[in-house]
Amino acid sequence: QVQLVESGGGLVQPGGSLRLSCAVSGSIMRFNAMAWYRQAPGKERVLVARITWYGNTNYADSVKGRFTISRDNAKNTVYLQMNSLKPEETALYYCNGNDAMDYWGKGTLVTVSS
């Protein structure tokens, strides 16, 4: 069964940067699209960024210009570069892969705090 494993979370000061990684067991090319979601305490899980099989990307309005999603097909890994982080972006960040089904990682915690 395919597995998605996130890494790269941690504590960062406001205005700082982090890069999240999502390693996929098996080929990343099986997915029509891959995405990053986040869930803040007491809130619903929301889409942050998405990249399709063709490489098209889309972002939540709140992160446009600051976050970048990318993938390395050879490494079967998807990345989320996050710059100018804000305290309200403290959340569990989840990797998602979609073919006919949705696959999820267990999440990596990002804490933005001084």
Protein backbone atom coordinates (compact mmCIF):
# COMPACT_ATOMS: atom_id res chain seq x y z
CA GLN A 1 0.00 0.00 0.00
CA VAL A 2 1.30 3.43 -0.87
CA GLN A 3 2.56 5.56 2.02
CA LEU A 4 3.15 9.28 2.27
CA VAL A 5 5.61 10.49 4.89
CA GLU A 6 5.97 14.16 5.72
CA SER A 7 9.02 15.76 7.28
CA GLY A 8 10.55 19.18 7.79
CA GLY A 9 8.19 20.69 10.34
CA GLY A 10 9.38 22.45 13.45
CA LEU A 11 9.49 25.70 15.34
CA VAL A 12 10.20 28.84 13.36
CA GLN A 13 9.98 32.53 14.21
CA PRO A 14 7.49 34.79 12.46
CA GLY A 15 8.90 35.82 9.11
CA GLY A 16 11.01 32.70 8.89
CA SER A 17 11.07 29.87 6.37
CA LEU A 18 10.65 26.12 6.34
CA ARG A 19 10.67 23.50 3.64
CA LEU A 20 8.39 20.52 4.05
CA SER A 21 8.97 17.24 2.25
CA CYS A 22 6.59 14.43 1.42
CA ALA A 23 8.20 11.14 0.46
CA VAL A 24 6.02 8.69 -1.45
CA SER A 25 6.60 4.96 -1.36
CA GLY A 26 6.39 3.91 -4.97
CA SER A 27 6.02 6.20 -7.95
CA ILE A 28 4.77 9.72 -7.46
CA MET A 29 3.54 9.63 -11.06
CA ARG A 30 0.62 7.38 -10.09
CA PHE A 31 -1.12 10.45 -8.68
CA ASN A 32 -3.18 12.84 -10.77
CA ALA A 33 -2.25 15.52 -8.28
CA MET A 34 -0.49 16.00 -5.01
CA ALA A 35 -1.23 18.61 -2.43
CA TRP A 36 -0.46 20.08 0.94
CA TYR A 37 -3.21 20.74 3.44
CA ARG A 38 -3.07 22.17 6.93
CA GLN A 39 -5.21 21.94 10.00
CA ALA A 40 -4.91 24.47 12.78
CA PRO A 41 -6.11 23.64 16.29
CA GLY A 42 -9.89 23.64 16.41
CA LYS A 43 -10.24 24.28 12.70
CA GLU A 44 -10.96 22.28 9.57
CA ARG A 45 -8.31 20.92 7.27
CA VAL A 46 -7.81 23.27 4.32
CA LEU A 47 -5.95 23.15 1.05
CA VAL A 48 -2.68 25.07 0.97
CA ALA A 49 -1.17 24.16 -2.40
CA ARG A 50 -1.64 21.61 -5.17
CA ILE A 51 0.40 20.38 -8.10
CA THR A 52 -1.02 18.27 -10.92
CA TRP A 53 0.56 15.47 -12.90
CA TYR A 54 1.27 18.07 -15.62
CA GLY A 55 2.95 20.40 -13.17
CA ASN A 56 0.17 22.95 -12.91
CA THR A 57 -0.05 24.55 -9.50
CA ASN A 58 -2.62 26.40 -7.47
CA TYR A 59 -2.50 27.98 -4.03
CA ALA A 60 -4.74 29.22 -1.29
CA ASP A 61 -5.05 32.98 -1.58
CA SER A 62 -3.49 33.43 1.84
CA VAL A 63 -0.18 31.84 0.78
CA LYS A 64 0.21 33.09 -2.79
CA GLY A 65 3.60 34.67 -3.32
CA ARG A 66 5.04 33.14 -0.16
CA PHE A 67 4.67 29.36 -0.58
CA THR A 68 5.88 27.21 -3.45
CA ILE A 69 4.92 23.60 -4.15
CA SER A 70 7.23 21.49 -6.27
CA ARG A 71 8.08 17.88 -6.89
CA ASP A 72 11.02 15.72 -7.77
CA ASN A 73 9.78 12.76 -9.78
CA ALA A 74 13.09 10.95 -9.55
CA LYS A 75 12.98 11.13 -5.76
CA ASN A 76 9.23 10.54 -5.53
CA THR A 77 9.02 13.57 -3.27
CA VAL A 78 6.86 16.68 -3.11
CA TYR A 79 8.01 19.83 -1.37
CA LEU A 80 6.43 22.90 0.13
CA GLN A 81 8.70 25.88 0.52
CA MET A 82 7.17 28.28 3.00
CA ASN A 83 8.51 31.80 3.41
CA SER A 84 7.44 34.76 5.54
CA LEU A 85 5.58 32.49 7.91
CA LYS A 86 2.94 33.94 10.21
CA PRO A 87 1.85 32.79 13.68
CA GLU A 88 -1.63 31.98 12.39
CA GLU A 89 -0.06 29.41 10.08
CA THR A 90 0.77 27.19 13.01
CA ALA A 91 -0.82 23.87 12.10
CA LEU A 92 -0.38 20.25 11.23
CA TYR A 93 0.60 20.08 7.58
CA TYR A 94 -0.55 17.03 5.65
CA CYS A 95 0.54 15.63 2.33
CA ASN A 96 -2.16 14.30 0.03
CA GLY A 97 -1.99 12.22 -3.11
CA ASN A 98 -4.96 11.62 -5.35
CA ASP A 99 -5.54 9.00 -8.00
CA ALA A 100 -8.93 7.32 -7.80
CA MET A 101 -8.58 7.63 -4.04
CA ASP A 102 -7.13 10.06 -1.54
CA TYR A 103 -3.99 9.09 0.32
CA TRP A 104 -2.79 10.99 3.36
CA GLY A 105 0.33 11.22 5.43
CA LYS A 106 0.24 11.54 9.20
CA GLY A 107 1.26 15.19 9.15
CA THR A 108 4.16 17.31 10.31
CA LEU A 109 3.74 20.06 12.88
CA VAL A 110 4.71 23.61 12.01
CA THR A 111 4.81 26.08 14.87
CA VAL A 112 5.34 29.76 14.10
CA SER A 113 6.15 31.59 17.29
CA SER A 114 8.66 33.96 18.79
